[in-house]
C-alpha atoms as a PDB file:
ATOM      1  CA  MET A   1       0.724  -9.181  41.116  1.00  0.00           C
ATOM      2  CA  PRO A   2      -0.953  -7.508  38.141  1.00  0.00           C
ATOM      3  CA  ILE A   3       0.935  -5.090  36.040  1.00  0.00           C
ATOM      4  CA  THR A   4       0.030  -1.529  36.538  1.00  0.00           C
ATOM      5  CA  ILE A   5       0.412   1.695  34.386  1.00  0.00           C
ATOM      6  CA  LYS A   6       3.329   2.685  36.681  1.00  0.00           C
ATOM      7  CA  ASP A   7       5.221  -0.489  35.478  1.00  0.00           C
ATOM      8  CA  VAL A   8       4.454   0.325  31.729  1.00  0.00           C
ATOM      9  CA  ALA A   9       5.761   3.941  32.377  1.00  0.00           C
ATOM     10  CA  LYS A  10       8.954   2.704  34.085  1.00  0.00           C
ATOM     11  CA  ASP A  11       9.579   0.066  31.409  1.00  0.00           C
ATOM     12  CA  ALA A  12       9.012   2.672  28.678  1.00  0.00           C
ATOM     13  CA  GLY A  13      11.026   5.230  30.217  1.00  0.00           C
ATOM     14  CA  LEU A  14       8.094   7.701  29.978  1.00  0.00           C
ATOM     15  CA  SER A  15       5.885   9.658  32.378  1.00  0.00           C
ATOM     16  CA  ILE A  16       2.604   7.970  33.716  1.00  0.00           C
ATOM     17  CA  ALA A  17       0.841  11.037  32.066  1.00  0.00           C
ATOM     18  CA  THR A  18       1.981   9.996  28.686  1.00  0.00           C
ATOM     19  CA  ILE A  19       1.041   6.358  29.153  1.00  0.00           C
ATOM     20  CA  SER A  20      -2.480   7.562  30.323  1.00  0.00           C
ATOM     21  CA  LYS A  21      -2.837   9.787  27.153  1.00  0.00           C
ATOM     22  CA  TYR A  22      -2.087   6.736  24.967  1.00  0.00           C
ATOM     23  CA  LEU A  23      -4.520   4.498  26.889  1.00  0.00           C
ATOM     24  CA  ASN A  24      -7.337   7.165  26.491  1.00  0.00           C
ATOM     25  CA  GLY A  25      -6.804   7.408  22.770  1.00  0.00           C
ATOM     26  CA  LEU A  26      -5.071  10.910  22.876  1.00  0.00           C
ATOM     27  CA  PRO A  27      -2.353  11.638  20.401  1.00  0.00           C
ATOM     28  CA  VAL A  28       1.124  10.990  21.579  1.00  0.00           C
ATOM     29  CA  ARG A  29       4.589  11.133  19.647  1.00  0.00           C
ATOM     30  CA  ALA A  30       5.147   8.432  17.213  1.00  0.00           C
ATOM     31  CA  GLU A  31       8.261   7.335  18.949  1.00  0.00           C
ATOM     32  CA  ASN A  32       6.515   7.289  22.370  1.00  0.00           C
ATOM     33  CA  ARG A  33       3.770   5.274  21.002  1.00  0.00           C
ATOM     34  CA  THR A  34       6.143   2.695  19.645  1.00  0.00           C
ATOM     35  CA  ARG A  35       7.881   2.463  23.092  1.00  0.00           C
ATOM     36  CA  ILE A  36       4.484   2.264  24.950  1.00  0.00           C
ATOM     37  CA  GLU A  37       3.199  -0.519  22.675  1.00  0.00           C
ATOM     38  CA  ALA A  38       6.449  -2.474  22.969  1.00  0.00           C
ATOM     39  CA  SER A  39       6.252  -2.297  26.904  1.00  0.00           C
ATOM     40  CA  ILE A  40       2.539  -3.255  26.998  1.00  0.00           C
ATOM     41  CA  SER A  41       3.365  -6.285  24.830  1.00  0.00           C
ATOM     42  CA  ARG A  42       6.601  -7.249  26.822  1.00  0.00           C
ATOM     43  CA  LEU A  43       4.933  -6.796  30.148  1.00  0.00           C
ATOM     44  CA  GLY A  44       1.512  -8.291  29.087  1.00  0.00           C
ATOM     45  CA  PHE A  45      -0.222  -5.281  30.515  1.00  0.00           C
ATOM     46  CA  LYS A  46      -4.058  -5.353  30.407  1.00  0.00           C
ATOM     47  CA  VAL A  47      -6.374  -2.403  30.825  1.00  0.00           C
ATOM     48  CA  ASN A  48      -9.163  -2.805  33.397  1.00  0.00           C
ATOM     49  CA  TYR A  49     -11.793  -1.160  31.479  1.00  0.00           C
ATOM     50  CA  MET A  50     -14.631  -1.786  33.864  1.00  0.00           C
ATOM     51  CA  ALA A  51     -12.711  -0.041  36.580  1.00  0.00           C
ATOM     52  CA  ARG A  52     -11.847   2.764  34.384  1.00  0.00           C
ATOM     53  CA  GLY A  53     -15.453   3.173  33.279  1.00  0.00           C
ATOM     54  CA  LEU A  54     -16.431   3.470  37.054  1.00  0.00           C
ATOM     55  CA  ARG A  55     -13.787   6.019  37.725  1.00  0.00           C
ATOM     56  CA  THR A  56     -14.440   8.123  34.551  1.00  0.00           C
ATOM     57  CA  ASN A  57     -18.273   7.775  34.325  1.00  0.00           C
ATOM     58  CA  LYS A  58     -17.783   6.236  30.796  1.00  0.00           C
ATOM     59  CA  THR A  59     -19.189   3.302  29.356  1.00  0.00           C
ATOM     60  CA  MET A  60     -16.273   2.790  27.013  1.00  0.00           C
ATOM     61  CA  SER A  61     -18.657   2.128  24.089  1.00  0.00           C
ATOM     62  CA  ILE A  62     -19.433   4.108  20.978  1.00  0.00           C
ATOM     63  CA  GLY A  63     -22.505   4.091  18.715  1.00  0.00           C
ATOM     64  CA  ILE A  64     -22.037   3.621  14.999  1.00  0.00           C
ATOM     65  CA  LEU A  65     -25.250   4.467  12.859  1.00  0.00           C
ATOM     66  CA  LEU A  66     -25.187   3.572   9.347  1.00  0.00           C
ATOM     67  CA  PRO A  67     -27.957   4.235   6.592  1.00  0.00           C
ATOM     68  CA  LEU A  68     -27.726   0.657   5.298  1.00  0.00           C
ATOM     69  CA  MET A  69     -26.125  -2.633   6.163  1.00  0.00           C
ATOM     70  CA  ASP A  70     -26.053  -4.051   2.696  1.00  0.00           C
ATOM     71  CA  ASN A  71     -23.762  -1.468   1.256  1.00  0.00           C
ATOM     72  CA  ALA A  72     -20.053  -2.440   0.641  1.00  0.00           C
ATOM     73  CA  PHE A  73     -18.753   0.897   1.601  1.00  0.00           C
ATOM     74  CA  PHE A  74     -20.740   1.283   4.823  1.00  0.00           C
ATOM     75  CA  MET A  75     -19.868  -2.091   5.839  1.00  0.00           C
ATOM     76  CA  SER A  76     -16.231  -1.969   5.145  1.00  0.00           C
ATOM     77  CA  PHE A  77     -16.308   1.375   7.096  1.00  0.00           C
ATOM     78  CA  ALA A  78     -17.974  -0.464   9.962  1.00  0.00           C
ATOM     79  CA  VAL A  79     -15.346  -3.142  10.061  1.00  0.00           C
ATOM     80  CA  HIS A  80     -12.400  -0.725  10.090  1.00  0.00           C
ATOM     81  CA  ILE A  81     -13.884   1.531  12.688  1.00  0.00           C
ATOM     82  CA  ILE A  82     -14.799  -1.308  15.037  1.00  0.00           C
ATOM     83  CA  ARG A  83     -11.070  -2.584  14.793  1.00  0.00           C
ATOM     84  CA  ALA A  84      -9.778   1.026  15.365  1.00  0.00           C
ATOM     85  CA  LEU A  85     -11.886   1.408  18.571  1.00  0.00           C
ATOM     86  CA  ARG A  86     -11.298  -2.001  19.873  1.00  0.00           C
ATOM     87  CA  LYS A  87      -7.544  -1.252  19.800  1.00  0.00           C
ATOM     88  CA  GLN A  88      -8.348   1.557  22.253  1.00  0.00           C
ATOM     89  CA  GLY A  89     -10.538  -0.650  24.559  1.00  0.00           C
ATOM     90  CA  TYR A  90     -13.916   0.618  23.102  1.00  0.00           C
ATOM     91  CA  SER A  91     -16.828  -1.574  22.147  1.00  0.00           C
ATOM     92  CA  SER A  92     -19.012  -0.609  19.250  1.00  0.00           C
ATOM     93  CA  LEU A  93     -22.859  -0.688  19.065  1.00  0.00           C
ATOM     94  CA  LEU A  94     -23.789  -0.872  15.364  1.00  0.00           C
ATOM     95  CA  CYS A  95     -27.178   0.015  14.116  1.00  0.00           C
ATOM     96  CA  ASP A  96     -28.655   1.000  10.726  1.00  0.00           C
ATOM     97  CA  ASN A  97     -31.599   3.442   9.880  1.00  0.00           C
ATOM     98  CA  ALA A  98     -32.814   1.817   6.726  1.00  0.00           C
ATOM     99  CA  GLN A  99     -32.532   5.303   5.240  1.00  0.00           C
ATOM    100  CA  GLU A 100     -35.774   6.390   7.177  1.00  0.00           C
ATOM    101  CA  ASP A 101     -35.691   9.562   9.228  1.00  0.00           C
ATOM    102  CA  CYS A 102     -38.129   8.077  11.931  1.00  0.00           C
ATOM    103  CA  LYS A 103     -35.815   4.973  12.277  1.00  0.00           C
ATOM    104  CA  GLU A 104     -32.896   7.199  12.508  1.00  0.00           C
ATOM    105  CA  ASN A 105     -34.390   8.903  15.463  1.00  0.00           C
ATOM    106  CA  ASP A 106     -35.272   5.621  17.077  1.00  0.00           C
ATOM    107  CA  MET A 107     -31.855   4.476  16.797  1.00  0.00           C
ATOM    108  CA  LEU A 108     -30.293   7.594  18.096  1.00  0.00           C
ATOM    109  CA  ASP A 109     -32.615   7.183  21.215  1.00  0.00           C
ATOM    110  CA  PHE A 110     -31.438   3.522  21.572  1.00  0.00           C
ATOM    111  CA  LEU A 111     -27.776   4.502  21.474  1.00  0.00           C
ATOM    112  CA  LEU A 112     -28.288   7.362  23.944  1.00  0.00           C
ATOM    113  CA  GLY A 113     -30.303   4.897  26.240  1.00  0.00           C
ATOM    114  CA  LYS A 114     -27.254   2.534  26.169  1.00  0.00           C
ATOM    115  CA  GLY A 115     -25.123   5.429  27.413  1.00  0.00           C
ATOM    116  CA  VAL A 116     -22.676   5.502  24.491  1.00  0.00           C
ATOM    117  CA  ASP A 117     -19.813   7.987  25.022  1.00  0.00           C
ATOM    118  CA  ALA A 118     -19.970   9.221  21.508  1.00  0.00           C
ATOM    119  CA  ILE A 119     -21.970   8.562  18.161  1.00  0.00           C
ATOM    120  CA  ILE A 120     -20.422   8.126  14.784  1.00  0.00           C
ATOM    121  CA  MET A 121     -22.893   8.211  11.991  1.00  0.00           C
ATOM    122  CA  ALA A 122     -23.797   8.992   8.449  1.00  0.00           C
ATOM    123  CA  PRO A 123     -26.932  11.206   8.663  1.00  0.00           C
ATOM    124  CA  ASN A 124     -29.891  10.123   6.629  1.00  0.00           C
ATOM    125  CA  SER A 125     -30.856  13.755   5.510  1.00  0.00           C
ATOM    126  CA  VAL A 126     -29.131  17.035   5.226  1.00  0.00           C
ATOM    127  CA  GLN A 127     -31.147  18.618   8.210  1.00  0.00           C
ATOM    128  CA  SER A 128     -31.492  16.943  11.700  1.00  0.00           C
ATOM    129  CA  GLU A 129     -32.318  19.158  14.925  1.00  0.00           C
ATOM    130  CA  LYS A 130     -31.966  15.936  16.886  1.00  0.00           C
ATOM    131  CA  ILE A 131     -28.475  15.244  15.851  1.00  0.00           C
ATOM    132  CA  LEU A 132     -27.421  18.883  16.845  1.00  0.00           C
ATOM    133  CA  ALA A 133     -29.246  18.582  20.032  1.00  0.00           C
ATOM    134  CA  ILE A 134     -27.336  15.436  21.010  1.00  0.00           C
ATOM    135  CA  GLN A 135     -24.146  17.164  20.155  1.00  0.00           C
ATOM    136  CA  ASN A 136     -25.034  20.190  22.380  1.00  0.00           C
ATOM    137  CA  SER A 137     -26.125  17.894  25.239  1.00  0.00           C
ATOM    138  CA  GLY A 138     -22.494  16.879  25.659  1.00  0.00           C
ATOM    139  CA  THR A 139     -22.479  13.532  23.684  1.00  0.00           C
ATOM    140  CA  PRO A 140     -19.906  13.964  20.922  1.00  0.00           C
ATOM    141  CA  VAL A 141     -21.358  13.277  17.356  1.00  0.00           C
ATOM    142  CA  ILE A 142     -18.908  12.655  14.505  1.00  0.00           C
ATOM    143  CA  LEU A 143     -20.544  12.595  11.002  1.00  0.00           C
ATOM    144  CA  PHE A 144     -19.039  10.694   7.899  1.00  0.00           C
ATOM    145  CA  ASP A 145     -19.963  10.399   4.331  1.00  0.00           C
ATOM    146  CA  ARG A 146     -22.307  13.444   4.401  1.00  0.00           C
ATOM    147  CA  PRO A 147     -22.691  16.649   6.541  1.00  0.00           C
ATOM    148  CA  LEU A 148     -25.570  18.351   7.871  1.00  0.00           C
ATOM    149  CA  GLN A 149     -26.743  21.576   6.106  1.00  0.00           C
ATOM    150  CA  ASN A 150     -25.689  24.826   7.880  1.00  0.00           C
ATOM    151  CA  GLN A 151     -24.594  23.093  11.018  1.00  0.00           C
ATOM    152  CA  THR A 152     -21.462  22.947  12.905  1.00  0.00           C
ATOM    153  CA  LEU A 153     -20.517  19.225  13.589  1.00  0.00           C
ATOM    154  CA  ASP A 154     -17.237  17.451  13.018  1.00  0.00           C
ATOM    155  CA  THR A 155     -17.638  15.816   9.617  1.00  0.00           C
ATOM    156  CA  ILE A 156     -15.314  13.449   7.462  1.00  0.00           C
ATOM    157  CA  VAL A 157     -16.335  13.041   3.719  1.00  0.00           C
ATOM    158  CA  SER A 158     -14.835  11.820   0.683  1.00  0.00           C
ATOM    159  CA  ASP A 159     -14.382  14.095  -2.424  1.00  0.00           C
ATOM    160  CA  ASN A 160     -17.285  12.827  -4.289  1.00  0.00           C
ATOM    161  CA  PHE A 161     -17.397  15.820  -6.801  1.00  0.00           C
ATOM    162  CA  MET A 162     -13.744  14.979  -7.959  1.00  0.00           C
ATOM    163  CA  GLY A 163     -14.368  11.184  -8.066  1.00  0.00           C
ATOM    164  CA  ALA A 164     -17.282  11.563 -10.474  1.00  0.00           C
ATOM    165  CA  TYR A 165     -15.229  14.380 -12.394  1.00  0.00           C
ATOM    166  CA  LYS A 166     -12.457  12.070 -12.899  1.00  0.00           C
ATOM    167  CA  ALA A 167     -14.651   9.261 -13.966  1.00  0.00           C
ATOM    168  CA  ALA A 168     -16.396  11.400 -16.520  1.00  0.00           C
ATOM    169  CA  ASN A 169     -13.204  12.750 -17.842  1.00  0.00           C
ATOM    170  CA  HIS A 170     -11.681   9.362 -18.173  1.00  0.00           C
ATOM    171  CA  LEU A 171     -14.619   8.189 -20.435  1.00  0.00           C
ATOM    172  CA  ILE A 172     -14.364  11.591 -22.403  1.00  0.00           C
ATOM    173  CA  GLU A 173     -10.743  10.851 -22.994  1.00  0.00           C
ATOM    174  CA  TYR A 174     -11.713   7.560 -24.802  1.00  0.00           C
ATOM    175  CA  GLY A 175     -14.025   9.621 -27.064  1.00  0.00           C
ATOM    176  CA  HIS A 176     -17.200   9.078 -25.345  1.00  0.00           C
ATOM    177  CA  LYS A 177     -19.875  11.825 -25.623  1.00  0.00           C
ATOM    178  CA  ARG A 178     -23.004   9.935 -24.787  1.00  0.00           C
ATOM    179  CA  ILE A 179     -22.217   9.057 -21.340  1.00  0.00           C
ATOM    180  CA  GLY A 180     -25.191   7.724 -19.081  1.00  0.00           C
ATOM    181  CA  LEU A 181     -25.360   8.334 -15.425  1.00  0.00           C
ATOM    182  CA  ILE A 182     -27.055   6.049 -12.818  1.00  0.00           C
ATOM    183  CA  ASN A 183     -27.128   7.934  -9.506  1.00  0.00           C
ATOM    184  CA  GLY A 184     -29.064   8.535  -6.354  1.00  0.00           C
ATOM    185  CA  GLY A 185     -31.590  11.453  -5.753  1.00  0.00           C
ATOM    186  CA  ILE A 186     -29.665  14.667  -5.700  1.00  0.00           C
ATOM    187  CA  THR A 187     -31.499  15.935  -2.525  1.00  0.00           C
ATOM    188  CA  ALA A 188     -28.899  13.996  -0.659  1.00  0.00           C
ATOM    189  CA  TYR A 189     -25.474  15.261  -0.355  1.00  0.00           C
ATOM    190  CA  THR A 190     -23.424  12.401  -1.807  1.00  0.00           C
ATOM    191  CA  PRO A 191     -25.176  11.836  -4.961  1.00  0.00           C
ATOM    192  CA  TYR A 192     -25.605  15.442  -5.524  1.00  0.00           C
ATOM    193  CA  GLU A 193     -21.784  16.087  -5.335  1.00  0.00           C
ATOM    194  CA  ARG A 194     -21.362  13.109  -7.699  1.00  0.00           C
ATOM    195  CA  TRP A 195     -23.827  14.695 -10.130  1.00  0.00           C
ATOM    196  CA  ARG A 196     -21.922  17.925  -9.867  1.00  0.00           C
ATOM    197  CA  GLY A 197     -18.677  16.166 -10.818  1.00  0.00           C
ATOM    198  CA  TYR A 198     -20.210  14.376 -13.747  1.00  0.00           C
ATOM    199  CA  LYS A 199     -22.024  17.623 -15.052  1.00  0.00           C
ATOM    200  CA  LYS A 200     -18.886  19.869 -14.651  1.00  0.00           C
ATOM    201  CA  ALA A 201     -16.751  17.267 -16.786  1.00  0.00           C
ATOM    202  CA  LEU A 202     -19.198  17.251 -19.615  1.00  0.00           C
ATOM    203  CA  GLU A 203     -19.798  21.051 -19.593  1.00  0.00           C
ATOM    204  CA  GLU A 204     -15.828  21.650 -19.662  1.00  0.00           C
ATOM    205  CA  LYS A 205     -15.788  19.595 -22.865  1.00  0.00           C
ATOM    206  CA  GLY A 206     -18.951  21.251 -24.284  1.00  0.00           C
ATOM    207  CA  ILE A 207     -20.879  18.019 -24.312  1.00  0.00           C
ATOM    208  CA  PRO A 208     -24.582  18.629 -23.639  1.00  0.00           C
ATOM    209  CA  LEU A 209     -26.279  16.910 -20.929  1.00  0.00           C
ATOM    210  CA  GLN A 210     -28.816  14.328 -22.217  1.00  0.00           C
ATOM    211  CA  GLU A 211     -31.628  13.783 -19.823  1.00  0.00           C
ATOM    212  CA  ASP A 212     -32.741  10.572 -21.278  1.00  0.00           C
ATOM    213  CA  ILE A 213     -29.472   8.828 -19.936  1.00  0.00           C
ATOM    214  CA  ILE A 214     -29.335  10.754 -16.547  1.00  0.00           C
ATOM    215  CA  LEU A 215     -31.397   8.479 -14.253  1.00  0.00           C
ATOM    216  CA  MET A 216     -31.323   9.776 -10.689  1.00  0.00           C
ATOM    217  CA  GLU A 217     -33.652   8.401  -7.912  1.00  0.00           C
ATOM    218  CA  HIS A 218     -33.546   7.833  -4.233  1.00  0.00           C
ATOM    219  CA  GLY A 219     -32.368   4.244  -3.246  1.00  0.00           C
ATOM    220  CA  TYR A 220     -29.476   2.332  -3.950  1.00  0.00           C
ATOM    221  CA  ASP A 221     -30.141  -1.390  -4.692  1.00  0.00           C
ATOM    222  CA  VAL A 222     -29.457  -4.121  -7.406  1.00  0.00           C
ATOM    223  CA  SER A 223     -32.970  -4.076  -8.789  1.00  0.00           C
ATOM    224  CA  SER A 224     -32.924  -0.196  -9.401  1.00  0.00           C
ATOM    225  CA  GLY A 225     -29.532  -0.528 -11.069  1.00  0.00           C
ATOM    226  CA  TYR A 226     -30.874  -3.194 -13.301  1.00  0.00           C
ATOM    227  CA  ARG A 227     -34.142  -1.427 -14.057  1.00  0.00           C
ATOM    228  CA  ARG A 228     -32.364   1.859 -14.977  1.00  0.00           C
ATOM    229  CA  MET A 229     -29.703   0.181 -17.074  1.00  0.00           C
ATOM    230  CA  LYS A 230     -32.313  -1.644 -19.028  1.00  0.00           C
ATOM    231  CA  LEU A 231     -34.076   1.594 -19.761  1.00  0.00           C
ATOM    232  CA  MET A 232     -31.015   2.871 -21.355  1.00  0.00           C
ATOM    233  CA  LEU A 233     -30.394  -0.170 -23.250  1.00  0.00           C
ATOM    234  CA  ASP A 234     -33.772  -0.166 -24.607  1.00  0.00           C
ATOM    235  CA  LEU A 235     -33.309   3.351 -26.175  1.00  0.00           C
ATOM    236  CA  ASP A 236     -32.795   3.813 -29.905  1.00  0.00           C
ATOM    237  CA  ASP A 237     -29.546   5.616 -29.172  1.00  0.00           C
ATOM    238  CA  VAL A 238     -28.002   3.505 -26.496  1.00  0.00           C
ATOM    239  CA  PRO A 239     -25.248   5.328 -24.385  1.00  0.00           C
ATOM    240  CA  THR A 240     -21.716   4.247 -25.263  1.00  0.00           C
ATOM    241  CA  ALA A 241     -20.604   4.516 -21.596  1.00  0.00           C
ATOM    242  CA  VAL A 242     -22.439   4.663 -18.263  1.00  0.00           C
ATOM    243  CA  LEU A 243     -21.131   5.894 -14.951  1.00  0.00           C
ATOM    244  CA  VAL A 244     -22.837   4.167 -11.956  1.00  0.00           C
ATOM    245  CA  THR A 245     -22.303   5.778  -8.642  1.00  0.00           C
ATOM    246  CA  ASN A 246     -23.132   2.803  -6.193  1.00  0.00           C
ATOM    247  CA  ASP A 247     -21.829  -0.626  -5.797  1.00  0.00           C
ATOM    248  CA  LEU A 248     -25.277  -2.441  -5.648  1.00  0.00           C
ATOM    249  CA  THR A 249     -26.723  -0.420  -8.457  1.00  0.00           C
ATOM    250  CA  ALA A 250     -23.682  -1.326 -10.527  1.00  0.00           C
ATOM    251  CA  GLN A 251     -24.334  -5.029  -9.843  1.00  0.00           C
ATOM    252  CA  GLY A 252     -27.805  -4.524 -11.119  1.00  0.00           C
ATOM    253  CA  ALA A 253     -26.519  -2.633 -14.138  1.00  0.00           C
ATOM    254  CA  ILE A 254     -24.060  -5.214 -15.071  1.00  0.00           C
ATOM    255  CA  MET A 255     -26.894  -7.755 -14.811  1.00  0.00           C
ATOM    256  CA  ALA A 256     -28.848  -5.986 -17.395  1.00  0.00           C
ATOM    257  CA  ILE A 257     -25.984  -5.583 -19.723  1.00  0.00           C
ATOM    258  CA  ASN A 258     -25.221  -9.409 -19.553  1.00  0.00           C
ATOM    259  CA  GLU A 259     -29.069 -10.162 -20.066  1.00  0.00           C
ATOM    260  CA  ALA A 260     -28.882  -8.063 -23.212  1.00  0.00           C
ATOM    261  CA  ASN A 261     -26.090 -10.159 -24.534  1.00  0.00           C
ATOM    262  CA  MET A 262     -23.731  -7.154 -24.611  1.00  0.00           C
ATOM    263  CA  SER A 263     -20.104  -7.115 -23.628  1.00  0.00           C
ATOM    264  CA  ILE A 264     -18.170  -4.801 -21.454  1.00  0.00           C
ATOM    265  CA  PRO A 265     -16.383  -2.827 -22.817  1.00  0.00           C
ATOM    266  CA  LYS A 266     -16.829  -3.903 -26.456  1.00  0.00           C
ATOM    267  CA  ASP A 267     -20.461  -2.832 -26.550  1.00  0.00           C
ATOM    268  CA  ILE A 268     -20.653  -0.327 -23.657  1.00  0.00           C
ATOM    269  CA  SER A 269     -17.973   1.003 -21.287  1.00  0.00           C
ATOM    270  CA  LEU A 270     -18.657   1.210 -17.595  1.00  0.00           C
ATOM    271  CA  ILE A 271     -17.142   2.872 -14.456  1.00  0.00           C
ATOM    272  CA  ALA A 272     -18.594   2.288 -10.962  1.00  0.00           C
ATOM    273  CA  PHE A 273     -18.155   3.746  -7.365  1.00  0.00           C
ATOM    274  CA  ASP A 274     -17.236   1.369  -4.451  1.00  0.00           C
ATOM    275  CA  CYS A 275     -16.815  -1.747  -6.500  1.00  0.00           C
ATOM    276  CA  GLU A 276     -13.248  -2.365  -5.942  1.00  0.00           C
ATOM    277  CA  SER A 277     -13.421  -5.930  -4.500  1.00  0.00           C
ATOM    278  CA  PHE A 278     -16.364  -6.937  -6.858  1.00  0.00           C
ATOM    279  CA  GLY A 279     -14.898  -5.350  -9.928  1.00  0.00           C
ATOM    280  CA  LYS A 280     -11.622  -7.462  -9.546  1.00  0.00           C
ATOM    281  CA  LEU A 281     -13.778 -10.533 -10.137  1.00  0.00           C
ATOM    282  CA  MET A 282     -14.907  -9.237 -13.494  1.00  0.00           C
ATOM    283  CA  LYS A 283     -13.020 -10.118 -16.631  1.00  0.00           C
ATOM    284  CA  PRO A 284     -11.964  -7.557 -17.775  1.00  0.00           C
ATOM    285  CA  LYS A 285     -11.552  -5.783 -14.389  1.00  0.00           C
ATOM    286  CA  LEU A 286     -13.990  -3.019 -13.713  1.00  0.00           C
ATOM    287  CA  THR A 287     -12.728   0.540 -13.558  1.00  0.00           C
ATOM    288  CA  THR A 288     -13.594   1.839 -10.200  1.00  0.00           C
ATOM    289  CA  ILE A 289     -13.866   4.939  -8.049  1.00  0.00           C
ATOM    290  CA  ASN A 290     -12.772   4.189  -4.522  1.00  0.00           C
ATOM    291  CA  GLN A 291     -13.156   6.034  -1.254  1.00  0.00           C
ATOM    292  CA  PRO A 292     -10.428   5.789   1.306  1.00  0.00           C
ATOM    293  CA  CYS A 293     -12.640   3.918   3.570  1.00  0.00           C
ATOM    294  CA  GLN A 294     -10.112   2.599   6.050  1.00  0.00           C
ATOM    295  CA  GLU A 295      -8.536   6.031   6.390  1.00  0.00           C
ATOM    296  CA  MET A 296     -11.912   7.660   6.845  1.00  0.00           C
ATOM    297  CA  ALA A 297     -12.915   5.185   9.638  1.00  0.00           C
ATOM    298  CA  GLU A 298      -9.721   5.650  11.551  1.00  0.00           C
ATOM    299  CA  HIS A 299      -9.882   9.364  11.432  1.00  0.00           C
ATOM    300  CA  CYS A 300     -13.502   9.144  12.738  1.00  0.00           C
ATOM    301  CA  ALA A 301     -12.438   6.870  15.621  1.00  0.00           C
ATOM    302  CA  THR A 302      -9.386   9.179  16.611  1.00  0.00           C
ATOM    303  CA  LEU A 303     -11.582  12.208  16.373  1.00  0.00           C
ATOM    304  CA  ALA A 304     -14.389  10.567  18.627  1.00  0.00           C
ATOM    305  CA  LEU A 305     -11.856   9.573  21.209  1.00  0.00           C
ATOM    306  CA  ARG A 306     -10.404  13.139  21.333  1.00  0.00           C
ATOM    307  CA  ARG A 307     -13.838  14.607  21.662  1.00  0.00           C
ATOM    308  CA  ILE A 308     -14.820  12.131  24.376  1.00  0.00           C
ATOM    309  CA  ASN A 309     -11.599  13.088  26.378  1.00  0.00           C
ATOM    310  CA  GLY A 310     -12.371  16.815  26.173  1.00  0.00           C
ATOM    311  CA  ASP A 311     -10.136  17.855  23.301  1.00  0.00           C
ATOM    312  CA  ILE A 312     -11.973  20.345  21.242  1.00  0.00           C
ATOM    313  CA  GLU A 313      -9.113  21.653  19.279  1.00  0.00           C
ATOM    314  CA  GLY A 314     -10.165  22.598  15.753  1.00  0.00           C
ATOM    315  CA  TYR A 315     -13.872  22.010  16.247  1.00  0.00           C
ATOM    316  CA  PRO A 316     -15.733  21.780  14.243  1.00  0.00           C
ATOM    317  CA  ILE A 317     -13.434  19.732  11.797  1.00  0.00           C
ATOM    318  CA  MET A 318     -14.561  19.387   8.215  1.00  0.00           C
ATOM    319  CA  LEU A 319     -12.289  17.021   6.417  1.00  0.00           C
ATOM    320  CA  THR A 320     -12.670  16.102   2.824  1.00  0.00           C
ATOM    321  CA  MET A 321     -10.425  13.023   1.889  1.00  0.00           C
ATOM    322  CA  PRO A 322      -9.201  12.324  -1.794  1.00  0.00           C
ATOM    323  CA  ILE A 323     -10.889   9.619  -3.803  1.00  0.00           C
ATOM    324  CA  SER A 324      -8.719   7.352  -6.084  1.00  0.00           C
ATOM    325  CA  MET A 325      -9.588   5.690  -9.552  1.00  0.00           C
ATOM    326  CA  ASP A 326      -8.531   2.045 -10.068  1.00  0.00           C
ATOM    327  CA  ILE A 327      -8.327   1.675 -13.987  1.00  0.00           C
ATOM    328  CA  GLY A 328      -9.251  -1.733 -15.219  1.00  0.00           C
ATOM    329  CA  GLY A 329     -10.406  -2.842 -18.612  1.00  0.00           C
ATOM    330  CA  SER A 330     -14.083  -1.889 -18.573  1.00  0.00           C
ATOM    331  CA  VAL A 331     -13.470   1.280 -20.579  1.00  0.00           C
ATOM    332  CA  THR A 332     -12.390   1.313 -24.320  1.00  0.00           C
ATOM    333  CA  THR A 333     -12.413   3.810 -27.195  1.00  0.00           C
ATOM    334  CA  VAL A 334     -15.855   4.562 -28.529  1.00  0.00           C
ATOM    335  CA  ARG A 335     -16.694   2.908 -31.729  1.00  0.00           C
ATOM    336  CA  LYS A 336     -17.031   5.191 -34.876  1.00  0.00           C
END
């Protein structure tokens, strides 16, 4: 005879309502969660998701829309959020928009056509009437990495300003004053915040901004990082340090440094965003600015499940999560 929710409640010594809250992804007390999970494991309880979907008019699926698939941060985010949702019995539909507004709209229509219960996404631009319309139609939308401008939606981001500020200050502490920046186009939220952090750190120390080594353009890929670093290295006055705000552009920048027979950090110091895994393979290890990818994903999953189940407490939530710096050996004191 199959194990039921009543059996789990009896074994755990809790009410059926508490067990139901847990199974639907709603918050329960930590000690109750431990007892429920122990009972589920002990009894071998399995949720009948098909029956639940018919009963609740839910598909038990959530759409995840990324700007890119070849970005380390976004793929790591996808892995963590898929795992978090799977634990609650939800499947995930993963799509990307190739950083194109028209494709983003197509992918949103695709996910809605699949009847997803919610959408978790990093929007391509700071303005989107379509995203707001989806939220207003009753399908919860959780934004991550970047908010929409002047819109009220649940949003979870990293403290990009402070990450770049810390990185630039770290380079300044080692005596660097000619600090290059390889960044995305600042019409987008994330590169704009990183630009602000870099700029603030230099201004506080009275270091003038030097436009010939501040290279910002749309698109994050290896070739653009290589090309922009090569432009810096071809200058008569080469920067003594460079901050790169993306993992793929950092890889291209390192290729250009290696091709020029230069050494990190002997000839040039380097700090990069989101290169934690790749940076550990370098010798010396790359100093990196790291976003709390797993924590962001888990927060998004929990928030999506709350909204699906009608919990609108705190709406809209705007959560900014701290960024950490992992100090390696890619920064050294500037040569006199």
